[in-house]
Amino acid sequence: MELPTIPSLPLNVTDHMGRQVAVPFPPRRIVSLVPSQTELLFDLGLGDKVVGVTKFCIHPAEARTQATVIGGTKNFDFEKIAALRPDLIIGNKEENYQDGIEHLAATHTVWLSDISNLPEALDMIRRVGFIAGAKEKADALAAEIETSFAGLAAAVSEAEKPPVSAAYFIWRKPYMVAATGTFIDDMLRRAGFANAFATHSRYPEISAEQLAKVAPQRILLSSEPYPFGAKHVAEFQAMCPGAKIDIVDGELFSWYGSRLRKSAEYFSQLR
């Protein structure tokens, strides 16, 4: 005899956008529209509840085989999402697109994060854990990350060295950097760097002439979203002969979920 389905109770919460969201609790069918938040759900032991992910959700490796791929972060397949019958969709203001989110929110429960610094990332981890039914694990994870960054801050302070001027590149043709107001900018500061483009906002396009003018001590070429590699080092060295150039792990600078457990230690080795 088949047992009846037990209905989920509504949990009224506020997301990072200040939107009131009634989340069925505990949610049983989750669609994640953001790679770092997908990894977080799996690391919180909620992978069996994740029914939909984006094509960019590469961590953990089984995410895209276990769940249905519903398109990219900025081009959702609405029919696929509807067919999954999600009771919770988790997205992000910056990584997703407003029209798509509004379309989904008209018929589904959508919870959005908005993250530009470490405290907001830790808050997201705690909130997602709470609404998805893994509060204790999320609280422990957030505390672990917070402790690791406190250790990094102490090490940077004890070194008694002035911040190292750095330009962090995320794209080529056109050249684009991470500037003020981004999560990457906050990570740079915590790692002991001073953003060479702090007078700019978000992700500006810059020229070779602008780069030469600010003359950063370090140039950090991110492994994502543009796949910078060793072949690009000479190109930047020609623009800034005095700069030290490194290819850096973009995930550890820009993923604001459980991957942050690895970031502080990685940053401590960069300076």
Protein backbone atom coordinates (compact mmCIF):
# COMPACT_ATOMS: atom_id res chain seq x y z
CA MET A 1 0.00 0.00 0.00
CA GLU A 2 1.43 3.35 -1.07
CA LEU A 3 1.71 5.85 1.77
CA PRO A 4 0.29 9.34 1.21
CA THR A 5 2.71 12.19 0.62
CA ILE A 6 3.19 14.31 3.73
CA PRO A 7 2.79 17.98 2.77
CA SER A 8 5.62 20.38 3.54
CA LEU A 9 4.92 23.17 5.99
CA PRO A 10 5.58 26.74 4.79
CA LEU A 11 8.59 28.52 6.27
CA ASN A 12 8.33 32.29 5.83
CA VAL A 13 11.79 33.78 5.30
CA THR A 14 13.45 36.84 3.77
CA ASP A 15 16.09 36.47 1.06
CA HIS A 16 19.08 38.76 0.45
CA MET A 17 16.93 40.98 -1.79
CA GLY A 18 14.52 41.65 1.06
CA ARG A 19 11.83 39.56 -0.62
CA GLN A 20 9.43 37.61 1.59
CA VAL A 21 9.54 33.98 0.50
CA ALA A 22 7.33 31.13 1.71
CA VAL A 23 9.54 28.04 1.47
CA PRO A 24 7.94 24.58 1.83
CA PHE A 25 9.78 23.03 4.76
CA PRO A 26 11.63 20.88 4.40
CA PRO A 27 12.02 21.33 0.64
CA ARG A 28 12.24 18.04 -1.24
CA ARG A 29 12.96 19.16 -4.81
CA ILE A 30 15.54 21.93 -5.18
CA VAL A 31 16.80 23.60 -8.37
CA SER A 32 20.09 25.46 -7.96
CA LEU A 33 20.92 28.16 -10.49
CA VAL A 34 24.41 28.98 -9.15
CA PRO A 35 27.50 26.71 -9.20
CA SER A 36 28.86 27.69 -5.78
CA GLN A 37 25.45 27.24 -4.17
CA THR A 38 25.02 23.85 -5.86
CA GLU A 39 28.31 22.69 -4.32
CA LEU A 40 27.16 24.04 -0.97
CA LEU A 41 23.94 22.01 -1.07
CA PHE A 42 25.87 18.82 -1.79
CA ASP A 43 28.42 19.55 0.94
CA LEU A 44 25.57 20.06 3.38
CA GLY A 45 24.37 16.53 2.60
CA LEU A 46 21.41 17.73 0.54
CA GLY A 47 22.50 16.39 -2.83
CA ASP A 48 19.62 13.91 -2.97
CA LYS A 49 17.20 16.85 -2.92
CA VAL A 50 18.85 18.69 -5.83
CA VAL A 51 16.87 17.89 -8.98
CA GLY A 52 18.12 20.66 -11.27
CA VAL A 53 21.46 22.44 -11.84
CA THR A 54 23.13 24.60 -14.50
CA LYS A 55 25.69 23.43 -17.03
CA PHE A 56 28.30 25.36 -15.04
CA CYS A 57 27.68 23.42 -11.82
CA ILE A 58 30.88 21.39 -12.12
CA HIS A 59 31.32 20.66 -8.40
CA PRO A 60 30.77 18.02 -7.25
CA ALA A 61 31.39 15.97 -10.37
CA GLU A 62 28.15 14.03 -9.98
CA ALA A 63 25.93 17.13 -9.82
CA ARG A 64 25.29 17.29 -13.58
CA THR A 65 24.71 13.55 -13.92
CA GLN A 66 22.56 13.11 -10.84
CA ALA A 67 20.38 16.18 -11.53
CA THR A 68 18.84 17.58 -14.71
CA VAL A 69 20.80 20.34 -16.45
CA ILE A 70 18.41 23.25 -16.93
CA GLY A 71 20.59 25.50 -19.10
CA GLY A 72 23.10 28.15 -18.05
CA THR A 73 23.11 30.70 -15.29
CA LYS A 74 21.75 33.35 -17.66
CA ASN A 75 19.56 31.29 -19.99
CA PHE A 76 17.18 28.96 -18.18
CA ASP A 77 15.15 26.24 -19.87
CA PHE A 78 11.81 27.07 -18.27
CA GLU A 79 10.08 23.94 -19.57
CA LYS A 80 12.72 21.69 -18.01
CA ILE A 81 12.48 23.52 -14.72
CA ALA A 82 8.67 23.27 -14.69
CA ALA A 83 8.86 19.54 -15.44
CA LEU A 84 11.08 19.06 -12.37
CA ARG A 85 8.30 20.40 -10.11
CA PRO A 86 10.74 22.18 -7.75
CA ASP A 87 9.45 23.35 -4.40
CA LEU A 88 12.50 25.62 -4.01
CA ILE A 89 14.72 27.40 -6.53
CA ILE A 90 17.94 29.01 -5.25
CA GLY A 91 19.58 31.75 -7.32
CA ASN A 92 21.79 34.83 -7.09
CA LYS A 93 21.25 38.44 -8.16
CA GLU A 94 24.54 38.82 -10.03
CA GLU A 95 25.01 35.37 -11.52
CA ASN A 96 21.46 35.02 -12.80
CA TYR A 97 19.36 37.39 -14.91
CA GLN A 98 16.44 39.45 -13.67
CA ASP A 99 13.93 38.57 -16.40
CA GLY A 100 14.55 34.86 -15.90
CA ILE A 101 14.23 35.08 -12.13
CA GLU A 102 11.01 37.08 -12.38
CA HIS A 103 9.58 34.52 -14.80
CA LEU A 104 10.37 31.68 -12.40
CA ALA A 105 9.15 33.57 -9.33
CA ALA A 106 5.73 33.97 -10.92
CA THR A 107 5.06 30.24 -10.52
CA HIS A 108 7.77 28.89 -8.18
CA THR A 109 9.34 29.62 -4.82
CA VAL A 110 12.60 31.46 -5.56
CA TRP A 111 15.17 32.44 -2.90
CA LEU A 112 17.91 34.85 -4.04
CA SER A 113 21.32 35.66 -2.57
CA ASP A 114 23.24 38.88 -3.16
CA ILE A 115 26.88 38.60 -2.13
CA SER A 116 29.76 41.08 -2.33
CA ASN A 117 31.80 40.19 0.76
CA LEU A 118 32.65 37.42 3.21
CA PRO A 119 30.01 38.27 5.88
CA GLU A 120 27.29 38.09 3.22
CA ALA A 121 28.64 34.74 2.01
CA LEU A 122 28.60 33.34 5.54
CA ASP A 123 25.07 34.64 6.01
CA MET A 124 24.01 32.92 2.78
CA ILE A 125 25.52 29.62 3.92
CA ARG A 126 23.64 29.80 7.22
CA ARG A 127 20.37 30.84 5.59
CA VAL A 128 20.49 28.18 2.87
CA GLY A 129 21.24 25.55 5.49
CA PHE A 130 18.30 26.76 7.57
CA ILE A 131 15.71 26.82 4.78
CA ALA A 132 16.91 23.56 3.21
CA GLY A 133 16.91 21.57 6.46
CA ALA A 134 20.62 21.38 7.31
CA LYS A 135 21.00 24.19 9.84
CA GLU A 136 23.55 22.56 12.14
CA LYS A 137 25.85 21.54 9.29
CA ALA A 138 25.61 24.99 7.73
CA ASP A 139 26.35 26.75 11.01
CA ALA A 140 29.39 24.53 11.55
CA LEU A 141 30.62 25.15 8.00
CA ALA A 142 30.21 28.92 8.31
CA ALA A 143 32.08 28.89 11.63
CA GLU A 144 34.92 26.87 10.08
CA ILE A 145 35.28 29.35 7.21
CA GLU A 146 35.07 32.33 9.54
CA THR A 147 37.84 30.89 11.72
CA SER A 148 40.09 30.25 8.73
CA PHE A 149 39.76 33.85 7.55
CA ALA A 150 40.38 35.15 11.06
CA GLY A 151 43.65 33.22 10.97
CA LEU A 152 44.48 34.74 7.60
CA ALA A 153 43.77 38.24 8.91
CA ALA A 154 46.09 37.64 11.85
CA ALA A 155 48.87 36.39 9.58
CA VAL A 156 48.51 39.37 7.23
CA SER A 157 48.63 41.74 10.21
CA GLU A 158 51.64 40.04 11.81
CA ALA A 159 53.57 40.24 8.55
CA GLU A 160 53.52 44.04 8.98
CA LYS A 161 53.85 44.55 5.25
CA PRO A 162 51.95 47.21 3.30
CA PRO A 163 49.22 45.85 0.99
CA VAL A 164 50.56 44.70 -2.37
CA SER A 165 49.02 46.50 -5.34
CA ALA A 166 47.29 43.94 -7.57
CA ALA A 167 45.17 43.88 -10.71
CA TYR A 168 42.81 40.89 -10.96
CA PHE A 169 41.82 40.00 -14.53
CA ILE A 170 38.67 38.03 -15.29
CA TRP A 171 38.51 38.49 -19.09
CA ARG A 172 40.52 39.07 -22.23
CA LYS A 173 39.38 40.79 -25.46
CA PRO A 174 38.31 43.07 -23.97
CA TYR A 175 40.43 43.15 -20.84
CA MET A 176 38.21 43.21 -17.76
CA VAL A 177 39.15 43.36 -14.09
CA ALA A 178 37.38 42.86 -10.78
CA ALA A 179 37.11 46.24 -9.08
CA THR A 180 35.35 47.78 -6.07
CA GLY A 181 32.03 46.32 -5.00
CA THR A 182 32.78 42.73 -6.00
CA PHE A 183 33.28 39.62 -3.91
CA ILE A 184 36.70 39.20 -5.53
CA ASP A 185 37.70 42.67 -4.33
CA ASP A 186 36.85 41.66 -0.76
CA MET A 187 38.90 38.48 -1.12
CA LEU A 188 41.87 40.47 -2.48
CA ARG A 189 41.80 42.77 0.53
CA ARG A 190 41.64 39.87 2.97
CA ALA A 191 44.57 38.25 1.19
CA GLY A 192 46.68 41.36 1.77
CA PHE A 193 46.33 43.00 -1.66
CA ALA A 194 45.24 46.52 -2.58
CA ASN A 195 43.10 46.56 -5.71
CA ALA A 196 44.94 48.57 -8.35
CA PHE A 197 41.57 49.51 -9.85
CA ALA A 198 39.87 50.48 -6.59
CA THR A 199 38.68 53.74 -8.17
CA HIS A 200 36.59 51.71 -10.62
CA SER A 201 33.35 49.83 -9.93
CA ARG A 202 32.32 46.23 -10.53
CA TYR A 203 33.91 44.69 -13.67
CA PRO A 204 35.20 47.50 -15.90
CA GLU A 205 36.88 47.14 -19.25
CA ILE A 206 40.39 48.54 -19.17
CA SER A 207 43.06 49.25 -21.74
CA ALA A 208 46.72 48.29 -21.85
CA GLU A 209 47.51 51.96 -21.31
CA GLN A 210 45.40 52.08 -18.14
CA LEU A 211 47.14 48.99 -16.81
CA ALA A 212 50.58 50.45 -17.49
CA LYS A 213 49.55 53.69 -15.78
CA VAL A 214 48.46 52.07 -12.49
CA ALA A 215 51.56 49.83 -12.62
CA PRO A 216 50.45 47.10 -10.16
CA GLN A 217 53.07 45.09 -8.34
CA ARG A 218 51.12 41.92 -9.06
CA ILE A 219 48.87 40.85 -11.93
CA LEU A 220 46.56 37.96 -11.10
CA LEU A 221 45.07 36.16 -14.10
CA SER A 222 42.01 34.18 -13.05
CA SER A 223 41.39 30.64 -14.24
CA GLU A 224 37.73 31.61 -14.73
CA PRO A 225 35.52 32.85 -16.30
CA TYR A 226 38.20 33.41 -18.95
CA PRO A 227 40.62 30.46 -18.96
CA PHE A 228 43.86 32.38 -18.56
CA GLY A 229 46.93 30.17 -18.82
CA ALA A 230 50.70 30.27 -19.00
CA LYS A 231 50.57 31.38 -22.65
CA HIS A 232 49.07 34.72 -21.55
CA VAL A 233 51.81 35.67 -19.11
CA ALA A 234 54.13 37.17 -21.74
CA GLU A 235 51.27 39.30 -23.08
CA PHE A 236 50.78 40.97 -19.70
CA GLN A 237 54.48 41.11 -18.92
CA ALA A 238 54.94 43.24 -22.05
CA MET A 239 52.36 45.71 -20.74
CA CYS A 240 53.76 45.75 -17.19
CA PRO A 241 57.44 44.70 -17.22
CA GLY A 242 57.83 45.32 -13.48
CA ALA A 243 54.85 43.27 -12.34
CA LYS A 244 54.91 39.72 -11.00
CA ILE A 245 52.28 37.74 -12.87
CA ASP A 246 50.44 34.67 -11.58
CA ILE A 247 47.67 32.39 -12.82
CA VAL A 248 45.32 32.03 -9.86
CA ASP A 249 42.47 29.71 -8.97
CA GLY A 250 39.39 31.76 -9.79
CA GLU A 251 37.08 29.46 -7.89
CA LEU A 252 38.88 30.23 -4.63
CA PHE A 253 38.46 33.95 -5.25
CA SER A 254 34.88 34.01 -6.51
CA TRP A 255 32.93 30.96 -5.30
CA TYR A 256 31.15 32.05 -2.13
CA GLY A 257 29.88 28.71 -0.86
CA SER A 258 31.60 25.78 0.81
CA ARG A 259 34.69 26.15 -1.42
CA LEU A 260 35.65 29.05 0.85
CA ARG A 261 36.99 26.42 3.25
CA LYS A 262 40.05 26.27 1.00
CA SER A 263 40.43 29.96 0.19
CA ALA A 264 42.17 31.40 3.26
CA GLU A 265 45.00 28.86 3.15
CA TYR A 266 45.40 29.40 -0.59
CA PHE A 267 45.56 33.19 -0.16
CA SER A 268 48.20 32.87 2.56
CA GLN A 269 50.53 31.26 0.01
CA LEU A 270 50.03 33.92 -2.68
CA ARG A 271 51.81 36.88 -1.09
